[in-house]
Amino acid sequence: MWWLLLFLGAMSIVVASKIAFIGWGIGSREYDFTGFSGHVTRAMSITPVLLYLLTQRASAMMRLGAIALGVGFGTLIAVSRIMVHAHSLSESIAGWLLGGTISFVFIYLLHKAPPIRAHYGLIALGLVGLIFATPFVEPTPTQRWITQAALYLSGHDRPYIRVTWQPAPKSWRPSNDVEI
């Protein structure tokens, strides 16, 4: 329950930061910051916790190694978001710090609690199902929803965009789910 509350709080911060930029242009030109990276926040808040939970009955070194592996995965996601020009360095670092904070706060709260009994068969079945279902699932248009919410809340008819730090040109039309 604690993790879910922490995660929802972090994702609310991500969405609020994106709405602030898209609707009002609130960000930092100096740091090229238009909002926290949601991908990086999710990777950093989920993977270290998941790997910690899976190794909770193992030795302390194994748990630390699992957490480090999760942090490494989150770091790879951060680097990939920069490499594909989906986010700036500052946005990826902000997402990394936000998600990492969620993981480490939760792991700190949990480390003295009795170990949770993991059902490895169910976890494996879920992962296999996820792997096979992924190619058939349409991406959720979250960026479009965030843009629509930002425009509604701000009362503007066009979003602010990173390139000019100004509202988009009058010819702007929403795309499927492109990062702004």
N, C-alpha and C. Protein backbone atom coordinates (compact mmCIF):
# COMPACT_ATOMS: atom_id res chain seq x y z
N MET A 1 0.82 -1.20 0.00
CA MET A 1 0.00 0.00 0.00
C MET A 1 0.87 1.27 0.00
N TRP A 2 1.95 1.24 0.82
CA TRP A 2 2.82 2.41 0.88
C TRP A 2 3.45 2.71 -0.47
N TRP A 3 3.90 1.62 -1.13
CA TRP A 3 4.54 1.83 -2.43
C TRP A 3 3.56 2.46 -3.41
N LEU A 4 2.33 1.98 -3.42
CA LEU A 4 1.33 2.51 -4.35
C LEU A 4 1.11 4.00 -4.09
N LEU A 5 1.00 4.40 -2.84
CA LEU A 5 0.82 5.82 -2.52
C LEU A 5 2.03 6.64 -2.95
N LEU A 6 3.22 6.13 -2.69
CA LEU A 6 4.43 6.84 -3.12
C LEU A 6 4.49 6.94 -4.64
N PHE A 7 4.16 5.85 -5.33
CA PHE A 7 4.20 5.83 -6.79
C PHE A 7 3.18 6.80 -7.37
N LEU A 8 1.96 6.78 -6.86
CA LEU A 8 0.93 7.71 -7.36
C LEU A 8 1.33 9.16 -7.10
N GLY A 9 1.96 9.42 -5.96
CA GLY A 9 2.45 10.77 -5.69
C GLY A 9 3.51 11.20 -6.69
N ALA A 10 4.44 10.29 -6.99
CA ALA A 10 5.50 10.60 -7.96
C ALA A 10 4.91 10.84 -9.34
N MET A 11 3.99 9.99 -9.76
CA MET A 11 3.41 10.16 -11.10
C MET A 11 2.56 11.43 -11.17
N SER A 12 1.97 11.83 -10.06
CA SER A 12 1.23 13.10 -10.02
C SER A 12 2.18 14.27 -10.23
N ILE A 13 3.37 14.19 -9.66
CA ILE A 13 4.38 15.23 -9.86
C ILE A 13 4.80 15.27 -11.33
N VAL A 14 4.99 14.10 -11.94
CA VAL A 14 5.36 14.03 -13.36
C VAL A 14 4.29 14.71 -14.21
N VAL A 15 3.04 14.32 -14.00
CA VAL A 15 1.94 14.88 -14.80
C VAL A 15 1.80 16.38 -14.56
N ALA A 16 1.88 16.81 -13.30
CA ALA A 16 1.76 18.24 -13.00
C ALA A 16 2.86 19.04 -13.68
N SER A 17 4.09 18.50 -13.70
CA SER A 17 5.18 19.23 -14.35
C SER A 17 4.97 19.34 -15.85
N LYS A 18 4.42 18.31 -16.46
CA LYS A 18 4.16 18.35 -17.91
C LYS A 18 3.01 19.30 -18.23
N ILE A 19 1.97 19.27 -17.41
CA ILE A 19 0.84 20.18 -17.61
C ILE A 19 1.30 21.63 -17.44
N ALA A 20 2.16 21.88 -16.46
CA ALA A 20 2.66 23.24 -16.23
C ALA A 20 3.40 23.77 -17.45
N PHE A 21 4.21 22.92 -18.08
CA PHE A 21 4.93 23.39 -19.26
C PHE A 21 4.00 23.51 -20.47
N ILE A 22 3.26 22.47 -20.76
CA ILE A 22 2.42 22.46 -21.97
C ILE A 22 1.35 23.55 -21.91
N GLY A 23 0.79 23.77 -20.74
CA GLY A 23 -0.28 24.76 -20.62
C GLY A 23 0.18 26.18 -20.43
N TRP A 24 1.28 26.38 -19.70
CA TRP A 24 1.70 27.74 -19.35
C TRP A 24 3.15 28.05 -19.71
N GLY A 25 3.89 27.08 -20.18
CA GLY A 25 5.30 27.31 -20.52
C GLY A 25 6.20 27.35 -19.30
N ILE A 26 5.75 26.78 -18.18
CA ILE A 26 6.54 26.79 -16.95
C ILE A 26 7.59 25.68 -17.03
N GLY A 27 8.84 26.07 -16.99
CA GLY A 27 9.95 25.14 -17.07
C GLY A 27 11.23 25.93 -16.91
N SER A 28 12.32 25.39 -17.39
CA SER A 28 13.60 26.09 -17.31
C SER A 28 14.31 26.00 -18.65
N ARG A 29 14.42 27.14 -19.32
CA ARG A 29 15.19 27.16 -20.57
C ARG A 29 16.65 26.86 -20.31
N GLU A 30 17.16 27.42 -19.24
CA GLU A 30 18.58 27.25 -18.91
C GLU A 30 18.96 25.78 -18.79
N TYR A 31 18.08 24.98 -18.18
CA TYR A 31 18.36 23.56 -17.99
C TYR A 31 17.61 22.69 -18.99
N ASP A 32 16.92 23.30 -19.94
CA ASP A 32 16.14 22.58 -20.94
C ASP A 32 15.18 21.60 -20.25
N PHE A 33 14.47 22.11 -19.25
CA PHE A 33 13.57 21.29 -18.44
C PHE A 33 12.13 21.65 -18.73
N THR A 34 11.38 20.67 -19.27
CA THR A 34 9.95 20.89 -19.54
C THR A 34 9.08 19.94 -18.72
N GLY A 35 9.68 19.13 -17.86
CA GLY A 35 8.92 18.22 -17.01
C GLY A 35 9.73 16.96 -16.71
N PHE A 36 9.36 16.31 -15.62
CA PHE A 36 10.02 15.06 -15.23
C PHE A 36 9.77 13.99 -16.29
N SER A 37 10.76 13.16 -16.56
CA SER A 37 10.56 12.03 -17.46
C SER A 37 9.74 10.96 -16.76
N GLY A 38 8.56 10.69 -17.30
CA GLY A 38 7.71 9.65 -16.74
C GLY A 38 8.30 8.26 -16.91
N HIS A 39 8.93 8.01 -18.06
CA HIS A 39 9.55 6.70 -18.30
C HIS A 39 10.62 6.41 -17.24
N VAL A 40 11.46 7.38 -17.00
CA VAL A 40 12.56 7.19 -16.05
C VAL A 40 12.01 7.09 -14.63
N THR A 41 11.04 7.92 -14.29
CA THR A 41 10.43 7.86 -12.96
C THR A 41 9.85 6.47 -12.72
N ARG A 42 9.12 5.96 -13.70
CA ARG A 42 8.53 4.62 -13.54
C ARG A 42 9.62 3.55 -13.42
N ALA A 43 10.62 3.59 -14.29
CA ALA A 43 11.68 2.58 -14.24
C ALA A 43 12.38 2.58 -12.89
N MET A 44 12.67 3.77 -12.38
CA MET A 44 13.40 3.87 -11.11
C MET A 44 12.52 3.57 -9.90
N SER A 45 11.22 3.77 -10.00
CA SER A 45 10.37 3.50 -8.84
C SER A 45 9.85 2.06 -8.82
N ILE A 46 9.91 1.37 -9.96
CA ILE A 46 9.40 -0.01 -10.02
C ILE A 46 10.53 -1.04 -9.94
N THR A 47 11.54 -0.93 -10.78
CA THR A 47 12.52 -2.00 -10.93
C THR A 47 13.32 -2.29 -9.66
N PRO A 48 13.90 -1.30 -8.98
CA PRO A 48 14.63 -1.63 -7.75
C PRO A 48 13.73 -2.28 -6.70
N VAL A 49 12.50 -1.81 -6.58
CA VAL A 49 11.56 -2.38 -5.61
C VAL A 49 11.21 -3.81 -5.98
N LEU A 50 10.89 -4.04 -7.24
CA LEU A 50 10.54 -5.40 -7.69
C LEU A 50 11.69 -6.37 -7.42
N LEU A 51 12.90 -5.98 -7.79
CA LEU A 51 14.04 -6.88 -7.59
C LEU A 51 14.35 -7.06 -6.11
N TYR A 52 14.13 -6.03 -5.30
CA TYR A 52 14.30 -6.18 -3.85
C TYR A 52 13.29 -7.18 -3.30
N LEU A 53 12.04 -7.05 -3.72
CA LEU A 53 11.00 -7.96 -3.22
C LEU A 53 11.29 -9.40 -3.63
N LEU A 54 11.79 -9.59 -4.84
CA LEU A 54 12.08 -10.95 -5.31
C LEU A 54 13.25 -11.58 -4.57
N THR A 55 14.11 -10.77 -3.98
CA THR A 55 15.29 -11.29 -3.27
C THR A 55 15.21 -11.04 -1.76
N GLN A 56 14.03 -10.75 -1.28
CA GLN A 56 13.89 -10.36 0.12
C GLN A 56 14.35 -11.44 1.10
N ARG A 57 14.23 -12.70 0.74
CA ARG A 57 14.66 -13.79 1.62
C ARG A 57 16.13 -14.17 1.40
N ALA A 58 16.78 -13.53 0.45
CA ALA A 58 18.19 -13.83 0.15
C ALA A 58 19.10 -13.05 1.09
N SER A 59 20.39 -13.24 0.92
CA SER A 59 21.37 -12.55 1.75
C SER A 59 21.34 -11.04 1.48
N ALA A 60 21.91 -10.29 2.41
CA ALA A 60 21.95 -8.83 2.26
C ALA A 60 22.71 -8.44 0.99
N MET A 61 23.78 -9.15 0.68
CA MET A 61 24.55 -8.85 -0.54
C MET A 61 23.72 -9.10 -1.79
N MET A 62 22.93 -10.16 -1.78
CA MET A 62 22.07 -10.47 -2.93
C MET A 62 21.01 -9.39 -3.10
N ARG A 63 20.44 -8.94 -1.99
CA ARG A 63 19.43 -7.87 -2.06
C ARG A 63 20.05 -6.58 -2.58
N LEU A 64 21.23 -6.24 -2.08
CA LEU A 64 21.91 -5.03 -2.56
C LEU A 64 22.24 -5.14 -4.04
N GLY A 65 22.67 -6.32 -4.45
CA GLY A 65 22.95 -6.54 -5.87
C GLY A 65 21.70 -6.39 -6.72
N ALA A 66 20.58 -6.89 -6.22
CA ALA A 66 19.31 -6.78 -6.95
C ALA A 66 18.88 -5.31 -7.06
N ILE A 67 19.03 -4.58 -5.97
CA ILE A 67 18.70 -3.15 -6.00
C ILE A 67 19.60 -2.43 -7.00
N ALA A 68 20.89 -2.75 -6.97
CA ALA A 68 21.84 -2.12 -7.90
C ALA A 68 21.48 -2.46 -9.35
N LEU A 69 21.05 -3.68 -9.59
CA LEU A 69 20.62 -4.07 -10.94
C LEU A 69 19.40 -3.25 -11.37
N GLY A 70 18.46 -3.06 -10.44
CA GLY A 70 17.29 -2.23 -10.73
C GLY A 70 17.66 -0.79 -11.02
N VAL A 71 18.58 -0.25 -10.25
CA VAL A 71 19.06 1.12 -10.48
C VAL A 71 19.78 1.21 -11.82
N GLY A 72 20.55 0.17 -12.14
CA GLY A 72 21.23 0.14 -13.44
C GLY A 72 20.23 0.15 -14.59
N PHE A 73 19.16 -0.62 -14.45
CA PHE A 73 18.12 -0.64 -15.48
C PHE A 73 17.49 0.75 -15.62
N GLY A 74 17.16 1.37 -14.49
CA GLY A 74 16.59 2.72 -14.53
C GLY A 74 17.53 3.72 -15.18
N THR A 75 18.82 3.56 -14.92
CA THR A 75 19.82 4.43 -15.53
C THR A 75 19.87 4.23 -17.04
N LEU A 76 19.78 2.98 -17.48
CA LEU A 76 19.74 2.70 -18.93
C LEU A 76 18.52 3.35 -19.58
N ILE A 77 17.39 3.31 -18.91
CA ILE A 77 16.19 3.96 -19.44
C ILE A 77 16.43 5.46 -19.54
N ALA A 78 17.05 6.05 -18.51
CA ALA A 78 17.34 7.49 -18.54
C ALA A 78 18.24 7.85 -19.72
N VAL A 79 19.28 7.08 -19.90
CA VAL A 79 20.21 7.34 -21.02
C VAL A 79 19.48 7.16 -22.35
N SER A 80 18.64 6.13 -22.45
CA SER A 80 17.94 5.90 -23.72
C SER A 80 16.99 7.04 -24.06
N ARG A 81 16.35 7.63 -23.06
CA ARG A 81 15.43 8.75 -23.31
C ARG A 81 16.19 9.97 -23.83
N ILE A 82 17.42 10.14 -23.36
CA ILE A 82 18.27 11.23 -23.86
C ILE A 82 18.72 10.91 -25.29
N MET A 83 19.16 9.67 -25.51
CA MET A 83 19.70 9.28 -26.82
C MET A 83 18.66 9.39 -27.94
N VAL A 84 17.39 9.11 -27.63
CA VAL A 84 16.35 9.20 -28.66
C VAL A 84 15.72 10.60 -28.70
N HIS A 85 16.30 11.52 -27.95
CA HIS A 85 15.86 12.92 -27.92
C HIS A 85 14.42 13.07 -27.42
N ALA A 86 13.99 12.14 -26.57
CA ALA A 86 12.66 12.25 -25.97
C ALA A 86 12.70 13.17 -24.75
N HIS A 87 13.87 13.25 -24.11
CA HIS A 87 14.04 14.09 -22.93
C HIS A 87 15.44 14.68 -22.91
N SER A 88 15.54 15.80 -22.20
CA SER A 88 16.85 16.41 -21.98
C SER A 88 17.54 15.72 -20.81
N LEU A 89 18.80 16.05 -20.61
CA LEU A 89 19.55 15.51 -19.48
C LEU A 89 18.86 15.86 -18.17
N SER A 90 18.42 17.11 -18.02
CA SER A 90 17.81 17.55 -16.76
C SER A 90 16.50 16.81 -16.49
N GLU A 91 15.72 16.56 -17.52
CA GLU A 91 14.44 15.85 -17.34
C GLU A 91 14.67 14.39 -16.96
N SER A 92 15.68 13.77 -17.56
CA SER A 92 16.00 12.39 -17.22
C SER A 92 16.56 12.28 -15.81
N ILE A 93 17.44 13.21 -15.44
CA ILE A 93 17.98 13.20 -14.08
C ILE A 93 16.87 13.44 -13.06
N ALA A 94 15.97 14.37 -13.35
CA ALA A 94 14.86 14.65 -12.43
C ALA A 94 13.99 13.41 -12.25
N GLY A 95 13.68 12.71 -13.34
CA GLY A 95 12.90 11.48 -13.25
C GLY A 95 13.64 10.40 -12.49
N TRP A 96 14.96 10.31 -12.71
CA TRP A 96 15.79 9.33 -12.02
C TRP A 96 15.77 9.58 -10.51
N LEU A 97 15.93 10.84 -10.13
CA LEU A 97 15.93 11.18 -8.70
C LEU A 97 14.56 10.96 -8.07
N LEU A 98 13.50 11.35 -8.77
CA LEU A 98 12.15 11.18 -8.23
C LEU A 98 11.82 9.70 -8.06
N GLY A 99 12.03 8.90 -9.10
CA GLY A 99 11.75 7.47 -9.01
C GLY A 99 12.66 6.77 -8.01
N GLY A 100 13.93 7.16 -7.99
CA GLY A 100 14.87 6.57 -7.04
C GLY A 100 14.47 6.87 -5.60
N THR A 101 13.98 8.07 -5.37
CA THR A 101 13.51 8.43 -4.02
C THR A 101 12.36 7.52 -3.60
N ILE A 102 11.43 7.28 -4.51
CA ILE A 102 10.30 6.40 -4.21
C ILE A 102 10.81 5.01 -3.84
N SER A 103 11.71 4.46 -4.66
CA SER A 103 12.26 3.13 -4.38
C SER A 103 12.95 3.07 -3.03
N PHE A 104 13.83 4.02 -2.79
CA PHE A 104 14.63 3.93 -1.58
C PHE A 104 13.81 4.21 -0.32
N VAL A 105 12.83 5.08 -0.40
CA VAL A 105 11.95 5.30 0.76
C VAL A 105 11.17 4.02 1.05
N PHE A 106 10.61 3.40 0.01
CA PHE A 106 9.84 2.18 0.22
C PHE A 106 10.72 1.05 0.74
N ILE A 107 11.87 0.86 0.14
CA ILE A 107 12.77 -0.22 0.60
C ILE A 107 13.20 0.03 2.04
N TYR A 108 13.44 1.28 2.40
CA TYR A 108 13.78 1.61 3.79
C TYR A 108 12.63 1.24 4.73
N LEU A 109 11.40 1.58 4.33
CA LEU A 109 10.24 1.25 5.16
C LEU A 109 10.05 -0.25 5.28
N LEU A 110 10.39 -0.98 4.23
CA LEU A 110 10.12 -2.41 4.17
C LEU A 110 11.24 -3.27 4.75
N HIS A 111 12.46 -2.76 4.83
CA HIS A 111 13.59 -3.64 5.13
C HIS A 111 13.54 -4.29 6.50
N LYS A 112 12.80 -3.73 7.44
CA LYS A 112 12.70 -4.34 8.76
C LYS A 112 11.42 -5.17 8.93
N ALA A 113 10.56 -5.13 7.93
CA ALA A 113 9.31 -5.90 7.99
C ALA A 113 9.60 -7.36 7.66
N PRO A 114 8.71 -8.26 8.09
CA PRO A 114 8.90 -9.66 7.71
C PRO A 114 8.87 -9.80 6.19
N PRO A 115 9.69 -10.71 5.65
CA PRO A 115 9.73 -10.89 4.19
C PRO A 115 8.36 -11.25 3.63
N ILE A 116 8.08 -10.73 2.46
CA ILE A 116 6.85 -11.05 1.76
C ILE A 116 7.07 -12.36 1.02
N ARG A 117 6.10 -13.24 1.06
CA ARG A 117 6.24 -14.52 0.35
C ARG A 117 5.91 -14.29 -1.12
N ALA A 118 6.92 -14.39 -1.95
CA ALA A 118 6.74 -14.20 -3.39
C ALA A 118 6.27 -15.50 -4.02
N HIS A 119 5.31 -15.40 -4.90
CA HIS A 119 4.81 -16.55 -5.66
C HIS A 119 5.51 -16.52 -7.02
N TYR A 120 6.67 -17.16 -7.08
CA TYR A 120 7.52 -17.07 -8.27
C TYR A 120 6.84 -17.62 -9.52
N GLY A 121 6.02 -18.65 -9.37
CA GLY A 121 5.31 -19.19 -10.52
C GLY A 121 4.35 -18.17 -11.12
N LEU A 122 3.63 -17.46 -10.26
CA LEU A 122 2.71 -16.43 -10.75
C LEU A 122 3.47 -15.26 -11.37
N ILE A 123 4.59 -14.91 -10.77
CA ILE A 123 5.41 -13.82 -11.32
C ILE A 123 5.92 -14.22 -12.71
N ALA A 124 6.43 -15.44 -12.84
CA ALA A 124 6.94 -15.91 -14.13
C ALA A 124 5.81 -15.95 -15.16
N LEU A 125 4.65 -16.45 -14.77
CA LEU A 125 3.51 -16.51 -15.68
C LEU A 125 3.11 -15.11 -16.12
N GLY A 126 3.08 -14.17 -15.20
CA GLY A 126 2.75 -12.79 -15.54
C GLY A 126 3.76 -12.17 -16.50
N LEU A 127 5.04 -12.42 -16.27
CA LEU A 127 6.08 -11.89 -17.16
C LEU A 127 5.99 -12.50 -18.55
N VAL A 128 5.76 -13.81 -18.63
CA VAL A 128 5.61 -14.46 -19.94
C VAL A 128 4.40 -13.89 -20.67
N GLY A 129 3.29 -13.74 -19.95
CA GLY A 129 2.09 -13.15 -20.56
C GLY A 129 2.35 -11.74 -21.05
N LEU A 130 3.07 -10.97 -20.27
CA LEU A 130 3.40 -9.59 -20.65
C LEU A 130 4.27 -9.56 -21.91
N ILE A 131 5.25 -10.44 -21.95
CA ILE A 131 6.15 -10.49 -23.12
C ILE A 131 5.38 -10.85 -24.39
N PHE A 132 4.49 -11.83 -24.29
CA PHE A 132 3.75 -12.25 -25.48
C PHE A 132 2.63 -11.29 -25.86
N ALA A 133 2.07 -10.58 -24.89
CA ALA A 133 0.96 -9.66 -25.18
C ALA A 133 1.43 -8.31 -25.70
N THR A 134 2.64 -7.91 -25.33
CA THR A 134 3.14 -6.58 -25.67
C THR A 134 3.02 -6.21 -27.15
N PRO A 135 3.37 -7.08 -28.08
CA PRO A 135 3.27 -6.69 -29.50
C PRO A 135 1.84 -6.40 -29.97
N PHE A 136 0.86 -6.87 -29.22
CA PHE A 136 -0.53 -6.73 -29.64
C PHE A 136 -1.27 -5.59 -28.94
N VAL A 137 -0.61 -4.92 -28.03
CA VAL A 137 -1.25 -3.87 -27.24
C VAL A 137 -0.91 -2.50 -27.84
N GLU A 138 -1.93 -1.70 -28.05
CA GLU A 138 -1.74 -0.34 -28.55
C GLU A 138 -1.21 0.54 -27.42
N PRO A 139 -0.26 1.43 -27.70
CA PRO A 139 0.21 2.35 -26.65
C PRO A 139 -0.92 3.26 -26.18
N THR A 140 -0.92 3.54 -24.90
CA THR A 140 -1.91 4.46 -24.34
C THR A 140 -1.50 5.88 -24.71
N PRO A 141 -2.44 6.68 -25.21
CA PRO A 141 -2.09 8.04 -25.66
C PRO A 141 -1.97 9.03 -24.50
N THR A 142 -1.12 8.72 -23.54
CA THR A 142 -1.02 9.57 -22.35
C THR A 142 -0.56 10.98 -22.67
N GLN A 143 0.36 11.13 -23.61
CA GLN A 143 0.84 12.48 -23.94
C GLN A 143 -0.30 13.32 -24.50
N ARG A 144 -1.15 12.71 -25.31
CA ARG A 144 -2.31 13.44 -25.85
C ARG A 144 -3.25 13.84 -24.71
N TRP A 145 -3.48 12.92 -23.77
CA TRP A 145 -4.36 13.24 -22.64
C TRP A 145 -3.78 14.38 -21.80
N ILE A 146 -2.48 14.33 -21.56
CA ILE A 146 -1.84 15.39 -20.77
C ILE A 146 -1.95 16.72 -21.51
N THR A 147 -1.72 16.70 -22.82
CA THR A 147 -1.83 17.93 -23.62
C THR A 147 -3.24 18.47 -23.57
N GLN A 148 -4.24 17.60 -23.73
CA GLN A 148 -5.63 18.04 -23.68
C GLN A 148 -5.97 18.63 -22.31
N ALA A 149 -5.50 17.99 -21.25
CA ALA A 149 -5.75 18.51 -19.90
C ALA A 149 -5.08 19.86 -19.71
N ALA A 150 -3.84 19.99 -20.18
CA ALA A 150 -3.11 21.26 -20.04
C ALA A 150 -3.82 22.38 -20.78
N LEU A 151 -4.27 22.10 -21.99
CA LEU A 151 -4.97 23.14 -22.76
C LEU A 151 -6.29 23.51 -22.11
N TYR A 152 -7.00 22.53 -21.60
CA TYR A 152 -8.28 22.80 -20.93
C TYR A 152 -8.05 23.65 -19.68
N LEU A 153 -7.11 23.24 -18.85
CA LEU A 153 -6.86 23.95 -17.60
C LEU A 153 -6.31 25.35 -17.82
N SER A 154 -5.46 25.51 -18.84
CA SER A 154 -4.85 26.82 -19.09
C SER A 154 -5.76 27.75 -19.89
N GLY A 155 -6.73 27.16 -20.59
CA GLY A 155 -7.60 27.96 -21.44
C GLY A 155 -6.95 28.34 -22.77
N HIS A 156 -5.78 27.78 -23.06
CA HIS A 156 -5.10 28.05 -24.32
C HIS A 156 -5.56 27.08 -25.39
N ASP A 157 -5.40 27.48 -26.65
CA ASP A 157 -5.79 26.58 -27.73
C ASP A 157 -4.60 25.85 -28.34
N ARG A 158 -3.38 26.23 -27.95
CA ARG A 158 -2.17 25.59 -28.46
C ARG A 158 -1.20 25.37 -27.32
N PRO A 159 -0.48 24.24 -27.35
CA PRO A 159 0.47 23.96 -26.26
C PRO A 159 1.77 24.74 -26.42
N TYR A 160 2.44 24.95 -25.31
CA TYR A 160 3.82 25.45 -25.37
C TYR A 160 4.69 24.30 -25.85
N ILE A 161 5.72 24.63 -26.62
CA ILE A 161 6.63 23.60 -27.13
C ILE A 161 8.06 23.98 -26.81
N ARG A 162 8.90 22.97 -26.66
CA ARG A 162 10.28 23.16 -26.26
C ARG A 162 11.08 23.99 -27.26
N VAL A 163 10.90 23.75 -28.54
CA VAL A 163 11.74 24.36 -29.58
C VAL A 163 11.75 25.88 -29.48
N THR A 164 10.59 26.48 -29.29
CA THR A 164 10.50 27.94 -29.25
C THR A 164 10.19 28.47 -27.87
N TRP A 165 9.79 27.60 -26.97
CA TRP A 165 9.34 27.98 -25.63
C TRP A 165 8.16 28.95 -25.74
N GLN A 166 7.44 28.81 -26.82
CA GLN A 166 6.27 29.63 -27.12
C GLN A 166 5.12 28.69 -27.47
N PRO A 167 3.89 29.22 -27.54
CA PRO A 167 2.81 28.36 -28.01
C PRO A 167 3.13 27.85 -29.42
N ALA A 168 2.65 26.66 -29.72
CA ALA A 168 2.87 26.06 -31.04
C ALA A 168 2.26 26.94 -32.12
N PRO A 169 2.70 26.80 -33.37
CA PRO A 169 2.13 27.58 -34.46
C PRO A 169 0.62 27.32 -34.60
N LYS A 170 -0.08 28.26 -35.20
CA LYS A 170 -1.53 28.11 -35.37
C LYS A 170 -1.89 26.85 -36.16
N SER A 171 -0.97 26.37 -36.97
CA SER A 171 -1.23 25.16 -37.77
C SER A 171 -1.09 23.88 -36.94
N TRP A 172 -0.77 24.01 -35.64
CA TRP A 172 -0.55 22.84 -34.78
C TRP A 172 -1.78 21.95 -34.73
N ARG A 173 -1.57 20.67 -34.83
CA ARG A 173 -2.60 19.65 -34.66
C ARG A 173 -2.03 18.57 -33.76
N PRO A 174 -2.82 18.04 -32.84
CA PRO A 174 -2.28 17.00 -31.96
C PRO A 174 -1.91 15.75 -32.74
N SER A 175 -0.79 15.15 -32.38
CA SER A 175 -0.39 13.89 -33.00
C SER A 175 -0.84 12.75 -32.10
N ASN A 176 -0.49 11.55 -32.47
CA ASN A 176 -0.93 10.38 -31.70
C ASN A 176 -0.41 10.42 -30.28
N ASP A 177 0.89 10.45 -30.10
CA ASP A 177 1.43 10.44 -28.74
C ASP A 177 2.90 10.84 -28.75
N VAL A 178 3.21 11.96 -29.35
CA VAL A 178 4.58 12.42 -29.46
C VAL A 178 4.94 13.26 -28.25
N GLU A 179 6.14 13.05 -27.71
CA GLU A 179 6.61 13.86 -26.59
C GLU A 179 6.73 15.31 -27.02
N ILE A 180 6.32 16.21 -26.16
CA ILE A 180 6.42 17.64 -26.46
C ILE A 180 7.57 18.22 -25.68
